[in-house]
Amino acid sequence: MPNYDYECQKCAKRFEVFQSMNDAKLTDCPESGCDGKVKRLLGTGGGIIFKGAGFYQTDYRSSSYQAGAKADGAASAPPAAPPVTTPAPKTAE
């Protein structure tokens, strides 16, 4: 359940209310003696953290960027070692 910020239009008091997303918005100022109307403020909210595969910045790069990155990776890779061959055993003739 999120916290919502409200501000009174009459006394300018700001307050925070912990309420369900399904609850109705508050309309009256809770300050004693103030009969002002309140307005719900827009908040920036908390930061969202995505974890797991598919949420990295480079996952959605263009195909030309991915092709260039692959070519750069291949160019900077160390050369492959030649295959090791063993001499065939000599047979008695």
Protein backbone atom coordinates (compact mmCIF):
# COMPACT_ATOMS: atom_id res chain seq x y z
CA MET A 1 0.00 0.00 0.00
CA PRO A 2 1.48 3.35 -1.01
CA ASN A 3 1.82 6.61 0.83
CA TYR A 4 0.05 9.58 -0.72
CA ASP A 5 0.99 13.22 -0.19
CA TYR A 6 -1.76 15.79 0.18
CA GLU A 7 -1.78 19.58 0.51
CA CYS A 8 -4.56 21.74 1.90
CA GLN A 9 -5.63 24.53 -0.46
CA LYS A 10 -6.60 26.78 2.44
CA CYS A 11 -3.90 26.42 5.14
CA ALA A 12 -1.14 24.98 2.90
CA LYS A 13 -0.52 22.10 5.33
CA ARG A 14 1.18 19.13 3.70
CA PHE A 15 0.66 15.64 5.06
CA GLU A 16 1.15 12.04 4.09
CA VAL A 17 -1.47 9.29 4.26
CA PHE A 18 -0.89 5.53 4.02
CA GLN A 19 -3.88 4.18 2.09
CA SER A 20 -4.81 1.49 -0.38
CA MET A 21 -4.84 2.24 -4.09
CA ASN A 22 -8.56 1.41 -4.07
CA ASP A 23 -9.42 3.92 -1.32
CA ALA A 24 -11.10 7.17 -2.31
CA LYS A 25 -9.01 10.36 -2.33
CA LEU A 26 -9.20 12.55 0.75
CA THR A 27 -11.17 15.77 0.28
CA ASP A 28 -11.11 17.57 3.64
CA CYS A 29 -8.15 18.92 5.61
CA PRO A 30 -7.50 16.95 8.84
CA GLU A 31 -6.22 20.08 10.65
CA SER A 32 -8.59 21.14 13.43
CA GLY A 33 -10.39 24.38 12.63
CA CYS A 34 -9.54 24.26 8.92
CA ASP A 35 -12.33 23.31 6.54
CA GLY A 36 -10.16 23.54 3.43
CA LYS A 37 -10.13 21.14 0.57
CA VAL A 38 -7.06 18.99 -0.03
CA LYS A 39 -5.35 18.09 -3.27
CA ARG A 40 -3.34 14.91 -3.79
CA LEU A 41 0.20 15.71 -4.93
CA LEU A 42 2.11 13.85 -7.57
CA GLY A 43 5.18 12.16 -6.19
CA THR A 44 8.25 10.82 -7.86
CA GLY A 45 7.84 7.50 -6.11
CA GLY A 46 10.57 5.07 -5.29
CA GLY A 47 13.18 3.86 -7.69
CA ILE A 48 12.39 0.66 -9.52
CA ILE A 49 15.06 -2.01 -9.55
CA PHE A 50 14.76 -4.72 -12.17
CA LYS A 51 16.60 -7.94 -11.45
CA GLY A 52 17.07 -10.92 -13.69
CA ALA A 53 17.65 -11.54 -17.36
CA GLY A 54 16.25 -9.09 -19.87
CA PHE A 55 16.57 -5.87 -17.89
CA TYR A 56 20.02 -4.68 -18.86
CA GLN A 57 20.60 -1.47 -20.78
CA THR A 58 22.35 -3.29 -23.61
CA ASP A 59 19.55 -5.83 -24.12
CA TYR A 60 17.51 -3.49 -26.28
CA ARG A 61 20.24 -1.90 -28.37
CA SER A 62 19.78 -1.62 -32.13
CA SER A 63 20.90 -4.50 -34.33
CA SER A 64 23.64 -2.33 -35.91
CA TYR A 65 25.06 -1.57 -32.46
CA GLN A 66 25.01 -5.25 -31.51
CA ALA A 67 26.75 -6.20 -34.79
CA GLY A 68 29.46 -3.57 -34.19
CA ALA A 69 29.97 -4.73 -30.62
CA LYS A 70 30.28 -8.33 -31.78
CA ALA A 71 32.88 -7.31 -34.42
CA ASP A 72 34.86 -5.33 -31.82
CA GLY A 73 34.79 -8.32 -29.47
CA ALA A 74 36.04 -10.66 -32.18
CA ALA A 75 38.84 -8.26 -33.19
CA SER A 76 40.10 -7.89 -29.63
CA ALA A 77 39.94 -11.61 -28.82
CA PRO A 78 43.33 -13.36 -28.56
CA PRO A 79 44.23 -15.48 -31.59
CA ALA A 80 43.29 -19.10 -31.35
CA ALA A 81 46.13 -21.51 -30.66
CA PRO A 82 46.86 -23.98 -33.46
CA PRO A 83 45.54 -27.47 -32.81
CA VAL A 84 47.98 -29.83 -31.15
CA THR A 85 48.83 -32.79 -33.31
CA THR A 86 50.67 -35.86 -32.16
CA PRO A 87 52.95 -37.74 -34.55
CA ALA A 88 51.71 -41.13 -35.66
CA PRO A 89 53.58 -44.03 -34.03
CA LYS A 90 56.12 -45.71 -36.24
CA THR A 91 55.29 -49.21 -37.30
CA ALA A 92 57.84 -51.95 -37.73
CA GLU A 93 58.42 -52.84 -41.36
